Amino acid sequence: MTPLNTAPNIARADDFYAQLLAAHDGLTFKESTALNARLVLILANQIGDSQVLAEALKAARDAGRARTS
């Protein structure tokens, strides 16, 4: 199993963020939420390792809790 990499690892991260925002441009909240769900499933399929995906889910959930505490 490859460990979950939480360090910055995206080349030209600002460009990707701009692309992500542009993909949501003009969508309703419902359409935007559906886009996010499809993107998560596509990327999860690319990763393909259920243990890494479980770690990613936990990390994302924990990060969200830390911000609201």
N, C-alpha and C. Protein backbone atom coordinates (compact mmCIF):
# COMPACT_ATOMS: atom_id res chain seq x y z
N MET A 1 0.83 -1.18 0.00
CA MET A 1 0.00 0.00 0.00
C MET A 1 0.88 1.25 0.00
N THR A 2 0.54 2.19 -0.83
CA THR A 2 1.20 3.48 -0.84
C THR A 2 0.57 4.36 0.23
N PRO A 3 1.39 4.99 1.09
CA PRO A 3 0.79 5.83 2.12
C PRO A 3 0.15 7.08 1.52
N LEU A 4 -0.82 7.62 2.23
CA LEU A 4 -1.49 8.83 1.79
C LEU A 4 -0.51 9.99 1.83
N ASN A 5 -0.41 10.72 0.73
CA ASN A 5 0.48 11.88 0.64
C ASN A 5 -0.35 13.14 0.88
N THR A 6 -0.12 13.80 2.02
CA THR A 6 -0.86 15.02 2.32
C THR A 6 -0.01 16.28 2.12
N ALA A 7 1.22 16.09 1.67
CA ALA A 7 2.08 17.24 1.38
C ALA A 7 1.69 17.82 0.02
N PRO A 8 1.91 19.12 -0.19
CA PRO A 8 1.61 19.71 -1.51
C PRO A 8 2.30 18.91 -2.61
N ASN A 9 1.53 18.53 -3.64
CA ASN A 9 2.06 17.61 -4.65
C ASN A 9 1.48 17.89 -6.03
N ILE A 10 0.90 19.06 -6.25
CA ILE A 10 0.28 19.38 -7.54
C ILE A 10 1.14 20.42 -8.24
N ALA A 11 1.65 20.07 -9.40
CA ALA A 11 2.40 21.04 -10.19
C ALA A 11 1.45 22.16 -10.60
N ARG A 12 1.90 23.39 -10.46
CA ARG A 12 1.09 24.56 -10.82
C ARG A 12 -0.29 24.49 -10.16
N ALA A 13 -0.27 24.36 -8.84
CA ALA A 13 -1.50 24.20 -8.06
C ALA A 13 -2.48 25.35 -8.28
N ASP A 14 -1.98 26.56 -8.43
CA ASP A 14 -2.88 27.70 -8.66
C ASP A 14 -3.62 27.56 -9.98
N ASP A 15 -2.95 27.02 -11.00
CA ASP A 15 -3.62 26.79 -12.29
C ASP A 15 -4.73 25.75 -12.15
N PHE A 16 -4.43 24.68 -11.40
CA PHE A 16 -5.46 23.66 -11.18
C PHE A 16 -6.65 24.24 -10.43
N TYR A 17 -6.37 25.06 -9.42
CA TYR A 17 -7.46 25.65 -8.64
C TYR A 17 -8.33 26.53 -9.54
N ALA A 18 -7.70 27.28 -10.42
CA ALA A 18 -8.46 28.11 -11.36
C ALA A 18 -9.32 27.24 -12.29
N GLN A 19 -8.79 26.12 -12.74
CA GLN A 19 -9.56 25.19 -13.58
C GLN A 19 -10.74 24.61 -12.81
N LEU A 20 -10.51 24.29 -11.55
CA LEU A 20 -11.58 23.75 -10.71
C LEU A 20 -12.70 24.77 -10.54
N LEU A 21 -12.33 26.01 -10.25
CA LEU A 21 -13.35 27.05 -10.12
C LEU A 21 -14.08 27.27 -11.44
N ALA A 22 -13.36 27.26 -12.54
CA ALA A 22 -13.98 27.47 -13.85
C ALA A 22 -14.96 26.35 -14.19
N ALA A 23 -14.65 25.14 -13.75
CA ALA A 23 -15.55 24.01 -14.01
C ALA A 23 -16.89 24.20 -13.32
N HIS A 24 -16.90 24.96 -12.23
CA HIS A 24 -18.13 25.21 -11.47
C HIS A 24 -18.86 26.48 -11.92
N ASP A 25 -18.20 27.26 -12.74
CA ASP A 25 -18.78 28.54 -13.16
C ASP A 25 -20.12 28.34 -13.86
N GLY A 26 -21.13 29.05 -13.41
CA GLY A 26 -22.44 29.00 -14.03
C GLY A 26 -23.32 27.84 -13.58
N LEU A 27 -22.82 26.99 -12.70
CA LEU A 27 -23.61 25.85 -12.24
C LEU A 27 -24.44 26.25 -11.02
N THR A 28 -25.57 25.60 -10.88
CA THR A 28 -26.36 25.77 -9.66
C THR A 28 -25.64 25.03 -8.53
N PHE A 29 -26.10 25.26 -7.30
CA PHE A 29 -25.51 24.55 -6.16
C PHE A 29 -25.63 23.04 -6.36
N LYS A 30 -26.79 22.59 -6.79
CA LYS A 30 -27.03 21.16 -7.01
C LYS A 30 -26.10 20.62 -8.10
N GLU A 31 -25.95 21.34 -9.20
CA GLU A 31 -25.06 20.90 -10.28
C GLU A 31 -23.60 20.89 -9.82
N SER A 32 -23.23 21.88 -9.03
CA SER A 32 -21.87 21.97 -8.51
C SER A 32 -21.57 20.81 -7.56
N THR A 33 -22.53 20.49 -6.71
CA THR A 33 -22.37 19.36 -5.80
C THR A 33 -22.24 18.05 -6.57
N ALA A 34 -23.02 17.89 -7.63
CA ALA A 34 -22.94 16.69 -8.46
C ALA A 34 -21.59 16.61 -9.17
N LEU A 35 -21.09 17.75 -9.64
CA LEU A 35 -19.76 17.77 -10.28
C LEU A 35 -18.70 17.33 -9.28
N ASN A 36 -18.76 17.86 -8.06
CA ASN A 36 -17.80 17.45 -7.03
C ASN A 36 -17.86 15.95 -6.77
N ALA A 37 -19.07 15.40 -6.69
CA ALA A 37 -19.22 13.96 -6.44
C ALA A 37 -18.63 13.14 -7.59
N ARG A 38 -18.91 13.56 -8.82
CA ARG A 38 -18.33 12.83 -9.97
C ARG A 38 -16.82 12.91 -9.97
N LEU A 39 -16.28 14.10 -9.67
CA LEU A 39 -14.83 14.27 -9.63
C LEU A 39 -14.20 13.38 -8.56
N VAL A 40 -14.81 13.33 -7.38
CA VAL A 40 -14.29 12.47 -6.31
C VAL A 40 -14.27 11.01 -6.76
N LEU A 41 -15.34 10.55 -7.39
CA LEU A 41 -15.39 9.15 -7.83
C LEU A 41 -14.39 8.86 -8.93
N ILE A 42 -14.20 9.79 -9.85
CA ILE A 42 -13.20 9.61 -10.92
C ILE A 42 -11.80 9.52 -10.32
N LEU A 43 -11.49 10.43 -9.40
CA LEU A 43 -10.16 10.42 -8.78
C LEU A 43 -9.97 9.21 -7.88
N ALA A 44 -11.03 8.79 -7.18
CA ALA A 44 -10.94 7.58 -6.35
C ALA A 44 -10.65 6.36 -7.21
N ASN A 45 -11.29 6.30 -8.38
CA ASN A 45 -11.02 5.20 -9.29
C ASN A 45 -9.56 5.23 -9.77
N GLN A 46 -9.04 6.42 -10.01
CA GLN A 46 -7.65 6.56 -10.45
C GLN A 46 -6.69 6.07 -9.37
N ILE A 47 -6.99 6.41 -8.11
CA ILE A 47 -6.15 5.98 -6.99
C ILE A 47 -6.24 4.47 -6.83
N GLY A 48 -7.47 3.96 -6.76
CA GLY A 48 -7.70 2.53 -6.79
C GLY A 48 -7.33 1.74 -5.54
N ASP A 49 -6.74 2.34 -4.55
CA ASP A 49 -6.31 1.64 -3.33
C ASP A 49 -7.29 1.98 -2.21
N SER A 50 -8.09 0.98 -1.79
CA SER A 50 -9.14 1.26 -0.82
C SER A 50 -8.59 1.73 0.53
N GLN A 51 -7.41 1.28 0.91
CA GLN A 51 -6.83 1.74 2.18
C GLN A 51 -6.42 3.21 2.10
N VAL A 52 -5.83 3.61 0.98
CA VAL A 52 -5.46 5.01 0.79
C VAL A 52 -6.72 5.88 0.75
N LEU A 53 -7.75 5.39 0.08
CA LEU A 53 -9.01 6.14 0.02
C LEU A 53 -9.63 6.29 1.40
N ALA A 54 -9.57 5.25 2.22
CA ALA A 54 -10.09 5.32 3.58
C ALA A 54 -9.31 6.35 4.40
N GLU A 55 -7.99 6.38 4.23
CA GLU A 55 -7.16 7.38 4.91
C GLU A 55 -7.52 8.79 4.44
N ALA A 56 -7.75 8.94 3.15
CA ALA A 56 -8.10 10.25 2.60
C ALA A 56 -9.44 10.72 3.15
N LEU A 57 -10.42 9.83 3.22
CA LEU A 57 -11.73 10.19 3.78
C LEU A 57 -11.58 10.64 5.23
N LYS A 58 -10.80 9.90 6.00
CA LYS A 58 -10.60 10.25 7.41
C LYS A 58 -9.88 11.59 7.52
N ALA A 59 -8.85 11.80 6.72
CA ALA A 59 -8.09 13.06 6.77
C ALA A 59 -8.99 14.24 6.42
N ALA A 60 -9.81 14.09 5.40
CA ALA A 60 -10.70 15.17 4.98
C ALA A 60 -11.75 15.46 6.06
N ARG A 61 -12.28 14.41 6.64
CA ARG A 61 -13.28 14.60 7.69
C ARG A 61 -12.66 15.25 8.93
N ASP A 62 -11.48 14.77 9.31
CA ASP A 62 -10.79 15.33 10.49
C ASP A 62 -10.43 16.80 10.26
N ALA A 63 -9.99 17.14 9.05
CA ALA A 63 -9.62 18.53 8.74
C ALA A 63 -10.85 19.43 8.83
N GLY A 64 -11.98 18.95 8.38
CA GLY A 64 -13.21 19.72 8.47
C GLY A 64 -13.65 19.92 9.91
N ARG A 65 -13.48 18.93 10.73
CA ARG A 65 -13.84 19.03 12.16
C ARG A 65 -12.93 20.02 12.86
N ALA A 66 -11.64 19.99 12.52
CA ALA A 66 -10.67 20.88 13.18
C ALA A 66 -11.00 22.33 12.88
N ARG A 67 -11.51 22.62 11.70
CA ARG A 67 -11.83 24.01 11.32
C ARG A 67 -13.10 24.51 11.98
N THR A 68 -13.99 23.60 12.36
CA THR A 68 -15.26 24.03 12.97
C THR A 68 -15.21 23.97 14.48
N SER A 69 -14.12 23.49 15.05
CA SER A 69 -14.00 23.36 16.51
C SER A 69 -13.58 24.68 17.13
